[in-house]
N, C-alpha and C. Protein backbone atom coordinates (compact mmCIF):
# COMPACT_ATOMS: atom_id res chain seq x y z
N UNK A 1 26.31 83.74 28.30
CA UNK A 1 26.30 82.29 28.16
C UNK A 1 26.25 81.94 26.68
N UNK A 2 27.21 81.20 26.22
CA UNK A 2 27.23 80.87 24.79
C UNK A 2 26.41 79.61 24.52
N UNK A 3 25.91 79.53 23.34
CA UNK A 3 25.14 78.36 22.93
C UNK A 3 26.12 77.32 22.40
N UNK A 4 26.05 76.12 22.94
CA UNK A 4 26.96 75.05 22.54
C UNK A 4 26.61 74.55 21.15
N UNK A 5 27.62 74.47 20.31
CA UNK A 5 27.48 73.88 18.98
C UNK A 5 28.46 72.72 18.91
N UNK A 6 27.93 71.54 18.71
CA UNK A 6 28.78 70.36 18.70
C UNK A 6 28.57 69.60 17.40
N UNK A 7 29.66 69.44 16.65
CA UNK A 7 29.61 68.68 15.40
C UNK A 7 29.45 67.19 15.69
N UNK A 8 29.05 66.46 14.67
CA UNK A 8 28.94 65.00 14.80
C UNK A 8 30.31 64.40 15.11
N UNK A 9 31.37 64.97 14.54
CA UNK A 9 32.72 64.47 14.80
C UNK A 9 33.10 64.67 16.26
N UNK A 10 32.84 65.84 16.81
CA UNK A 10 33.14 66.08 18.22
C UNK A 10 32.33 65.14 19.11
N UNK A 11 31.10 64.90 18.74
CA UNK A 11 30.28 63.96 19.53
C UNK A 11 30.91 62.57 19.53
N UNK A 12 31.43 62.12 18.39
CA UNK A 12 32.09 60.81 18.32
C UNK A 12 33.34 60.80 19.20
N UNK A 13 34.11 61.88 19.19
CA UNK A 13 35.29 61.97 20.04
C UNK A 13 34.92 61.87 21.52
N UNK A 14 33.86 62.56 21.90
CA UNK A 14 33.41 62.50 23.30
C UNK A 14 33.05 61.06 23.69
N UNK A 15 32.32 60.40 22.81
CA UNK A 15 31.91 59.02 23.08
C UNK A 15 33.13 58.11 23.17
N UNK A 16 34.09 58.27 22.28
CA UNK A 16 35.29 57.42 22.29
C UNK A 16 36.12 57.61 23.55
N UNK A 17 36.26 58.84 24.00
CA UNK A 17 36.99 59.08 25.23
C UNK A 17 36.33 58.42 26.42
N UNK A 18 35.02 58.57 26.52
CA UNK A 18 34.26 57.95 27.61
C UNK A 18 34.37 56.42 27.52
N UNK A 19 34.27 55.89 26.33
CA UNK A 19 34.35 54.45 26.13
C UNK A 19 35.70 53.90 26.59
N UNK A 20 36.77 54.61 26.32
CA UNK A 20 38.10 54.18 26.77
C UNK A 20 38.15 54.11 28.28
N UNK A 21 37.62 55.13 28.95
CA UNK A 21 37.61 55.13 30.42
C UNK A 21 36.75 54.00 30.97
N UNK A 22 35.60 53.78 30.36
CA UNK A 22 34.72 52.68 30.80
C UNK A 22 35.41 51.33 30.62
N UNK A 23 36.09 51.15 29.51
CA UNK A 23 36.77 49.88 29.26
C UNK A 23 37.92 49.66 30.24
N UNK A 24 38.61 50.71 30.62
CA UNK A 24 39.66 50.58 31.64
C UNK A 24 39.08 50.05 32.94
N UNK A 25 37.90 50.54 33.30
CA UNK A 25 37.26 50.07 34.54
C UNK A 25 36.82 48.62 34.41
N UNK A 26 36.41 48.20 33.22
CA UNK A 26 36.06 46.79 32.99
C UNK A 26 37.29 45.91 33.19
N UNK A 27 38.43 46.32 32.65
CA UNK A 27 39.66 45.53 32.78
C UNK A 27 40.01 45.28 34.24
N UNK A 28 39.89 46.28 35.08
CA UNK A 28 40.33 46.15 36.47
C UNK A 28 39.23 45.68 37.41
N UNK A 29 38.00 45.66 36.95
CA UNK A 29 36.87 45.38 37.82
C UNK A 29 36.96 44.11 38.63
N UNK A 30 37.45 43.04 38.04
CA UNK A 30 37.48 41.74 38.73
C UNK A 30 38.85 41.39 39.30
N UNK A 31 39.78 42.32 39.29
CA UNK A 31 41.14 42.02 39.73
C UNK A 31 41.33 42.22 41.23
N UNK A 32 42.19 41.41 41.81
CA UNK A 32 42.58 41.55 43.21
C UNK A 32 43.74 42.55 43.31
N UNK A 33 44.07 42.93 44.53
CA UNK A 33 45.24 43.79 44.74
C UNK A 33 46.49 43.15 44.16
N UNK A 34 46.63 41.84 44.34
CA UNK A 34 47.82 41.13 43.86
C UNK A 34 47.88 41.14 42.34
N UNK A 35 46.75 40.92 41.69
CA UNK A 35 46.72 40.92 40.22
C UNK A 35 46.98 42.33 39.68
N UNK A 36 46.48 43.33 40.36
CA UNK A 36 46.74 44.71 39.94
C UNK A 36 48.22 45.06 40.07
N UNK A 37 48.88 44.52 41.08
CA UNK A 37 50.29 44.85 41.35
C UNK A 37 51.27 43.98 40.56
N UNK A 38 50.81 42.88 39.96
CA UNK A 38 51.70 41.94 39.27
C UNK A 38 52.38 42.62 38.09
N UNK A 39 53.67 42.31 37.94
CA UNK A 39 54.46 42.82 36.82
C UNK A 39 55.13 41.64 36.13
N UNK A 40 55.10 41.58 34.80
CA UNK A 40 55.70 40.46 34.09
C UNK A 40 57.22 40.42 34.19
N UNK A 41 57.86 41.55 34.42
CA UNK A 41 59.31 41.62 34.66
C UNK A 41 59.52 42.67 35.75
N UNK A 42 60.69 42.67 36.36
CA UNK A 42 60.92 43.63 37.46
C UNK A 42 60.77 45.11 37.08
N UNK A 43 60.98 45.46 35.84
CA UNK A 43 60.86 46.87 35.46
C UNK A 43 59.62 47.17 34.61
N UNK A 44 58.79 46.16 34.37
CA UNK A 44 57.56 46.38 33.61
C UNK A 44 56.52 47.04 34.51
N UNK A 45 55.59 47.72 33.89
CA UNK A 45 54.51 48.36 34.64
C UNK A 45 53.50 47.31 35.10
N UNK A 46 52.89 47.57 36.22
CA UNK A 46 51.76 46.78 36.68
C UNK A 46 50.48 47.42 36.12
N UNK A 47 49.39 46.69 36.20
CA UNK A 47 48.10 47.27 35.82
C UNK A 47 47.78 48.45 36.73
N UNK A 48 48.07 48.31 38.01
CA UNK A 48 47.79 49.41 38.96
C UNK A 48 48.54 50.67 38.55
N UNK A 49 49.83 50.54 38.25
CA UNK A 49 50.59 51.72 37.85
C UNK A 49 50.04 52.31 36.56
N UNK A 50 49.74 51.47 35.59
CA UNK A 50 49.26 51.95 34.30
C UNK A 50 47.92 52.66 34.44
N UNK A 51 47.03 52.11 35.26
CA UNK A 51 45.73 52.75 35.49
C UNK A 51 45.92 54.09 36.18
N UNK A 52 46.80 54.13 37.18
CA UNK A 52 47.07 55.38 37.89
C UNK A 52 47.69 56.41 36.94
N UNK A 53 48.65 55.97 36.14
CA UNK A 53 49.30 56.86 35.17
C UNK A 53 48.26 57.39 34.17
N UNK A 54 47.38 56.52 33.71
CA UNK A 54 46.32 56.94 32.80
C UNK A 54 45.45 58.00 33.47
N UNK A 55 45.08 57.76 34.72
CA UNK A 55 44.23 58.71 35.43
C UNK A 55 44.96 60.04 35.66
N UNK A 56 46.24 59.99 35.98
CA UNK A 56 47.01 61.23 36.17
C UNK A 56 47.01 62.06 34.88
N UNK A 57 47.15 61.39 33.75
CA UNK A 57 47.16 62.08 32.47
C UNK A 57 45.77 62.61 32.13
N UNK A 58 44.74 61.80 32.36
CA UNK A 58 43.36 62.24 32.13
C UNK A 58 43.02 63.42 33.05
N UNK A 59 43.59 63.42 34.24
CA UNK A 59 43.39 64.51 35.18
C UNK A 59 43.91 65.82 34.58
N UNK A 60 45.00 65.74 33.84
CA UNK A 60 45.52 66.91 33.14
C UNK A 60 44.56 67.39 32.06
N UNK A 61 43.95 66.44 31.34
CA UNK A 61 42.96 66.79 30.31
C UNK A 61 41.79 67.54 30.93
N UNK A 62 41.21 66.97 31.99
CA UNK A 62 40.03 67.62 32.55
C UNK A 62 40.38 68.99 33.12
N UNK A 63 41.58 69.13 33.67
CA UNK A 63 41.99 70.42 34.20
C UNK A 63 42.18 71.45 33.08
N UNK A 64 42.70 71.02 31.94
CA UNK A 64 42.84 71.94 30.81
C UNK A 64 41.48 72.45 30.34
N UNK A 65 40.45 71.62 30.42
CA UNK A 65 39.11 72.05 30.02
C UNK A 65 38.46 72.89 31.11
N UNK A 66 38.43 72.35 32.35
CA UNK A 66 37.74 73.03 33.46
C UNK A 66 38.52 74.22 34.01
N UNK A 67 39.83 74.11 34.01
CA UNK A 67 40.72 75.13 34.58
C UNK A 67 40.39 75.42 36.05
N UNK A 68 40.23 74.32 36.81
CA UNK A 68 39.95 74.46 38.24
C UNK A 68 40.83 73.56 39.11
N UNK A 69 41.93 73.10 38.53
CA UNK A 69 42.85 72.25 39.28
C UNK A 69 42.63 70.78 39.02
N UNK A 70 43.62 69.99 39.38
CA UNK A 70 43.52 68.55 39.18
C UNK A 70 42.82 67.90 40.37
N UNK A 71 42.21 66.78 40.11
CA UNK A 71 41.61 65.97 41.17
C UNK A 71 42.71 65.54 42.14
N UNK A 72 43.89 65.22 41.60
CA UNK A 72 45.04 64.79 42.40
C UNK A 72 45.38 65.82 43.47
N UNK A 73 45.54 67.07 43.04
CA UNK A 73 45.91 68.14 43.99
C UNK A 73 44.73 68.55 44.86
N UNK A 74 43.58 68.76 44.25
CA UNK A 74 42.42 69.22 45.00
C UNK A 74 41.94 68.20 46.03
N UNK A 75 42.12 66.91 45.72
CA UNK A 75 41.70 65.85 46.63
C UNK A 75 42.77 65.44 47.63
N UNK A 76 43.95 66.05 47.54
CA UNK A 76 45.03 65.73 48.47
C UNK A 76 45.52 64.30 48.38
N UNK A 77 45.48 63.72 47.18
CA UNK A 77 45.84 62.31 47.03
C UNK A 77 47.32 62.04 47.29
N UNK A 78 48.20 62.96 46.95
CA UNK A 78 49.62 62.74 47.23
C UNK A 78 49.83 62.54 48.73
N UNK A 79 49.25 63.39 49.53
CA UNK A 79 49.38 63.27 50.99
C UNK A 79 48.71 61.99 51.50
N UNK A 80 47.53 61.67 50.97
CA UNK A 80 46.81 60.46 51.39
C UNK A 80 47.63 59.21 51.12
N UNK A 81 48.39 59.22 50.02
CA UNK A 81 49.14 58.04 49.61
C UNK A 81 50.60 58.09 50.05
N UNK A 82 51.01 59.20 50.65
CA UNK A 82 52.40 59.35 51.09
C UNK A 82 53.37 59.60 49.95
N UNK A 83 52.90 60.24 48.89
CA UNK A 83 53.73 60.56 47.73
C UNK A 83 54.20 62.01 47.80
N UNK A 84 55.27 62.34 47.08
CA UNK A 84 55.65 63.75 46.96
C UNK A 84 54.52 64.52 46.28
N UNK A 85 54.40 65.77 46.59
CA UNK A 85 53.29 66.59 46.06
C UNK A 85 53.39 66.81 44.55
N UNK A 86 54.59 66.91 44.01
CA UNK A 86 54.75 67.24 42.58
C UNK A 86 55.66 66.21 41.89
N UNK A 87 55.46 66.09 40.57
CA UNK A 87 56.37 65.32 39.74
C UNK A 87 56.27 63.82 39.85
N UNK A 88 55.12 63.31 40.25
CA UNK A 88 54.98 61.87 40.45
C UNK A 88 54.14 61.25 39.34
N UNK A 89 54.72 60.26 38.64
CA UNK A 89 53.93 59.41 37.76
C UNK A 89 54.03 59.67 36.28
N UNK A 90 54.60 60.77 35.87
CA UNK A 90 54.76 61.01 34.44
C UNK A 90 56.21 61.40 34.18
N UNK A 91 56.72 60.97 33.03
CA UNK A 91 58.08 61.30 32.66
C UNK A 91 59.14 60.49 33.38
N UNK A 92 58.75 59.41 34.00
CA UNK A 92 59.70 58.57 34.74
C UNK A 92 60.18 57.43 33.86
N UNK A 93 61.43 56.97 34.11
CA UNK A 93 61.88 55.77 33.42
C UNK A 93 61.21 54.56 34.08
N UNK A 94 61.29 53.41 33.41
CA UNK A 94 60.58 52.21 33.87
C UNK A 94 61.03 51.74 35.25
N UNK A 95 62.32 51.81 35.53
CA UNK A 95 62.81 51.36 36.84
C UNK A 95 62.25 52.21 37.96
N UNK A 96 62.24 53.51 37.76
CA UNK A 96 61.70 54.40 38.80
C UNK A 96 60.20 54.18 38.95
N UNK A 97 59.50 54.03 37.85
CA UNK A 97 58.06 53.78 37.91
C UNK A 97 57.77 52.48 38.65
N UNK A 98 58.56 51.44 38.39
CA UNK A 98 58.35 50.15 39.05
C UNK A 98 58.58 50.23 40.55
N UNK A 99 59.37 51.20 41.00
CA UNK A 99 59.67 51.31 42.43
C UNK A 99 58.58 52.05 43.21
N UNK A 100 57.65 52.68 42.52
CA UNK A 100 56.61 53.45 43.21
C UNK A 100 55.55 52.51 43.77
N UNK A 101 55.35 52.50 45.09
CA UNK A 101 54.34 51.60 45.66
C UNK A 101 52.93 52.09 45.32
N UNK A 102 52.11 51.21 44.84
CA UNK A 102 50.73 51.55 44.51
C UNK A 102 49.84 51.24 45.71
N UNK A 103 48.80 52.04 45.90
CA UNK A 103 47.86 51.74 46.98
C UNK A 103 47.01 50.53 46.61
N UNK A 104 46.23 50.05 47.53
CA UNK A 104 45.30 48.96 47.23
C UNK A 104 44.23 49.40 46.25
N UNK A 105 43.49 48.43 45.77
CA UNK A 105 42.50 48.66 44.73
C UNK A 105 41.49 49.75 45.10
N UNK A 106 40.93 49.68 46.28
CA UNK A 106 39.89 50.64 46.64
C UNK A 106 40.41 52.07 46.68
N UNK A 107 41.59 52.27 47.25
CA UNK A 107 42.18 53.62 47.29
C UNK A 107 42.53 54.10 45.89
N UNK A 108 43.05 53.21 45.07
CA UNK A 108 43.37 53.56 43.69
C UNK A 108 42.10 53.96 42.93
N UNK A 109 41.07 53.13 43.06
CA UNK A 109 39.84 53.40 42.32
C UNK A 109 39.11 54.64 42.82
N UNK A 110 39.31 55.01 44.07
CA UNK A 110 38.73 56.27 44.57
C UNK A 110 39.22 57.43 43.71
N UNK A 111 40.51 57.46 43.47
CA UNK A 111 41.10 58.52 42.64
C UNK A 111 40.66 58.37 41.18
N UNK A 112 40.78 57.17 40.64
CA UNK A 112 40.47 56.95 39.22
C UNK A 112 39.02 57.31 38.92
N UNK A 113 38.10 56.86 39.76
CA UNK A 113 36.68 57.18 39.52
C UNK A 113 36.43 58.69 39.55
N UNK A 114 37.06 59.38 40.49
CA UNK A 114 36.89 60.84 40.58
C UNK A 114 37.42 61.52 39.32
N UNK A 115 38.57 61.07 38.85
CA UNK A 115 39.14 61.65 37.62
C UNK A 115 38.25 61.35 36.42
N UNK A 116 37.84 60.10 36.28
CA UNK A 116 37.04 59.73 35.12
C UNK A 116 35.71 60.49 35.11
N UNK A 117 35.11 60.71 36.27
CA UNK A 117 33.87 61.50 36.35
C UNK A 117 34.15 62.95 35.92
N UNK A 118 35.26 63.51 36.36
CA UNK A 118 35.63 64.87 35.96
C UNK A 118 35.90 64.94 34.46
N UNK A 119 36.48 63.89 33.90
CA UNK A 119 36.73 63.85 32.45
C UNK A 119 35.43 63.78 31.67
N UNK A 120 34.49 62.98 32.14
CA UNK A 120 33.19 62.91 31.47
C UNK A 120 32.51 64.27 31.50
N UNK A 121 32.58 64.94 32.64
CA UNK A 121 32.01 66.28 32.77
C UNK A 121 32.72 67.27 31.83
N UNK A 122 34.04 67.17 31.75
CA UNK A 122 34.80 68.05 30.85
C UNK A 122 34.43 67.79 29.40
N UNK A 123 34.32 66.52 29.03
CA UNK A 123 33.96 66.19 27.65
C UNK A 123 32.56 66.68 27.32
N UNK A 124 31.65 66.60 28.29
CA UNK A 124 30.29 67.09 28.07
C UNK A 124 30.25 68.61 27.89
N UNK A 125 31.24 69.30 28.41
CA UNK A 125 31.33 70.76 28.31
C UNK A 125 31.84 71.21 26.94
N UNK A 126 32.51 70.32 26.22
CA UNK A 126 33.14 70.69 24.96
C UNK A 126 32.11 71.04 23.89
N UNK A 127 32.40 72.09 23.18
CA UNK A 127 31.67 72.44 21.97
C UNK A 127 32.70 72.84 20.92
N UNK A 128 32.23 73.13 19.73
CA UNK A 128 33.18 73.41 18.65
C UNK A 128 34.03 74.64 18.92
N UNK A 129 33.47 75.66 19.57
CA UNK A 129 34.26 76.86 19.88
C UNK A 129 35.36 76.55 20.89
N UNK A 130 35.01 75.84 21.96
CA UNK A 130 36.01 75.49 22.98
C UNK A 130 37.07 74.56 22.41
N UNK A 131 36.66 73.66 21.54
CA UNK A 131 37.59 72.71 20.93
C UNK A 131 38.73 73.43 20.21
N UNK A 132 38.46 74.60 19.66
CA UNK A 132 39.45 75.35 18.90
C UNK A 132 40.14 76.45 19.70
N UNK A 133 39.84 76.54 20.98
CA UNK A 133 40.43 77.57 21.83
C UNK A 133 41.86 77.18 22.20
N UNK A 134 42.76 78.17 22.19
CA UNK A 134 44.15 77.95 22.61
C UNK A 134 44.28 78.30 24.08
N UNK A 135 44.92 77.38 24.83
CA UNK A 135 45.10 77.57 26.27
C UNK A 135 46.47 77.06 26.67
N UNK A 136 46.93 77.53 27.83
CA UNK A 136 48.09 76.90 28.46
C UNK A 136 47.64 75.51 28.88
N UNK A 137 48.41 74.50 28.51
CA UNK A 137 48.01 73.12 28.76
C UNK A 137 49.01 72.40 29.64
N UNK A 138 48.55 71.98 30.81
CA UNK A 138 49.37 71.11 31.65
C UNK A 138 49.52 69.74 31.02
N UNK A 139 48.51 69.30 30.30
CA UNK A 139 48.54 68.01 29.62
C UNK A 139 49.65 67.99 28.58
N UNK A 140 49.72 69.04 27.76
CA UNK A 140 50.72 69.10 26.70
C UNK A 140 52.06 69.66 27.18
N UNK A 141 52.03 70.40 28.27
CA UNK A 141 53.23 71.05 28.75
C UNK A 141 53.59 72.30 27.96
N UNK A 142 52.62 72.83 27.24
CA UNK A 142 52.80 74.04 26.42
C UNK A 142 51.42 74.55 26.04
N UNK A 143 51.36 75.69 25.38
CA UNK A 143 50.09 76.17 24.86
C UNK A 143 49.63 75.23 23.75
N UNK A 144 48.33 75.01 23.68
CA UNK A 144 47.79 74.18 22.62
C UNK A 144 46.29 74.36 22.53
N UNK A 145 45.72 73.90 21.44
CA UNK A 145 44.27 73.99 21.32
C UNK A 145 43.64 72.85 22.11
N UNK A 146 42.46 73.10 22.62
CA UNK A 146 41.77 72.12 23.45
C UNK A 146 41.54 70.83 22.66
N UNK A 147 41.28 70.93 21.37
CA UNK A 147 41.09 69.74 20.54
C UNK A 147 42.32 68.85 20.52
N UNK A 148 43.50 69.46 20.50
CA UNK A 148 44.75 68.69 20.55
C UNK A 148 44.86 67.95 21.87
N UNK A 149 44.45 68.60 22.95
CA UNK A 149 44.46 67.96 24.26
C UNK A 149 43.50 66.78 24.28
N UNK A 150 42.31 66.96 23.72
CA UNK A 150 41.32 65.88 23.65
C UNK A 150 41.86 64.69 22.87
N UNK A 151 42.43 64.94 21.71
CA UNK A 151 42.99 63.84 20.91
C UNK A 151 44.14 63.16 21.64
N UNK A 152 45.00 63.93 22.28
CA UNK A 152 46.09 63.35 23.06
C UNK A 152 45.58 62.49 24.19
N UNK A 153 44.52 62.94 24.84
CA UNK A 153 43.93 62.18 25.93
C UNK A 153 43.38 60.84 25.45
N UNK A 154 42.66 60.87 24.35
CA UNK A 154 42.09 59.63 23.80
C UNK A 154 43.19 58.68 23.36
N UNK A 155 44.19 59.20 22.66
CA UNK A 155 45.30 58.36 22.20
C UNK A 155 46.04 57.75 23.38
N UNK A 156 46.40 58.56 24.35
CA UNK A 156 47.12 58.06 25.52
C UNK A 156 46.28 57.06 26.30
N UNK A 157 45.01 57.36 26.48
CA UNK A 157 44.13 56.44 27.20
C UNK A 157 44.05 55.08 26.55
N UNK A 158 43.99 55.06 25.22
CA UNK A 158 43.93 53.77 24.52
C UNK A 158 45.25 53.01 24.59
N UNK A 159 46.36 53.72 24.60
CA UNK A 159 47.65 53.04 24.80
C UNK A 159 47.68 52.37 26.17
N UNK A 160 47.22 53.09 27.18
CA UNK A 160 47.20 52.53 28.54
C UNK A 160 46.22 51.36 28.62
N UNK A 161 45.06 51.49 27.99
CA UNK A 161 44.08 50.42 27.98
C UNK A 161 44.68 49.15 27.38
N UNK A 162 45.33 49.27 26.24
CA UNK A 162 45.96 48.11 25.62
C UNK A 162 47.02 47.48 26.49
N UNK A 163 47.80 48.31 27.16
CA UNK A 163 48.83 47.80 28.07
C UNK A 163 48.19 47.01 29.21
N UNK A 164 47.12 47.54 29.79
CA UNK A 164 46.45 46.85 30.90
C UNK A 164 45.82 45.54 30.43
N UNK A 165 45.21 45.56 29.25
CA UNK A 165 44.61 44.34 28.70
C UNK A 165 45.68 43.26 28.50
N UNK A 166 46.82 43.66 27.98
CA UNK A 166 47.91 42.72 27.71
C UNK A 166 48.46 42.13 29.01
N UNK A 167 48.68 42.98 30.01
CA UNK A 167 49.20 42.48 31.29
C UNK A 167 48.20 41.53 31.94
N UNK A 168 46.93 41.83 31.82
CA UNK A 168 45.91 40.93 32.37
C UNK A 168 45.96 39.59 31.63
N UNK A 169 46.10 39.63 30.32
CA UNK A 169 46.21 38.40 29.54
C UNK A 169 47.43 37.58 29.91
N UNK A 170 48.54 38.24 30.20
CA UNK A 170 49.75 37.53 30.63
C UNK A 170 49.54 36.79 31.95
N UNK A 171 48.55 37.21 32.71
CA UNK A 171 48.24 36.55 33.98
C UNK A 171 47.26 35.39 33.79
N UNK A 172 46.94 35.08 32.53
CA UNK A 172 46.09 33.94 32.24
C UNK A 172 44.60 34.25 32.24
N UNK A 173 44.25 35.53 32.26
CA UNK A 173 42.85 35.92 32.24
C UNK A 173 42.51 36.52 30.88
N UNK A 174 41.22 36.62 30.61
CA UNK A 174 40.80 37.31 29.39
C UNK A 174 41.13 38.78 29.56
N UNK A 175 41.98 39.29 28.69
CA UNK A 175 42.45 40.65 28.85
C UNK A 175 41.58 41.70 28.21
N UNK A 176 40.98 41.39 27.08
CA UNK A 176 40.28 42.42 26.33
C UNK A 176 39.01 42.88 27.03
N UNK A 177 38.78 44.18 26.95
CA UNK A 177 37.57 44.76 27.54
C UNK A 177 36.58 45.17 26.46
N UNK A 178 36.87 44.85 25.21
CA UNK A 178 35.97 45.26 24.13
C UNK A 178 34.71 44.41 24.18
N UNK A 179 33.66 45.01 23.74
CA UNK A 179 32.36 44.34 23.75
C UNK A 179 31.55 44.78 22.57
């Protein structure tokens, strides 16, 4: 059993990743199924799609750290939602993404909460040695250091957060989740 050594910088990264996930939940907390599904144009993403896409990507991050499979696959979410088992939600053009039916809020949040909890657990596991370890990465689609995966996760999560905040604002609500 190795002794965890965590720099102040790594601690800040862990906090920022968790904060992004918490803010995403604040954005969607008061929304209805209709507001989650609303799209400003026929090919624009909905908040529901963006949150799901964010969670699918975060699921890759936690799997790269834990190396025990994704919440998506382990929880059988593709079958529960009637989706194909592989290749859903990332790397799609906007029209194809817009055509994917999203589940209702509660079913969506069941998956998102499970992923975000696994991400928090993965981030808590990080130490300076693991941060610099090279692994095969589903998140990156190639070998990479775990720190690169962590930075990619935080960057991607914040892009999705901003997109969800903006779409909420377009619906006439306060979009920002910052506090």
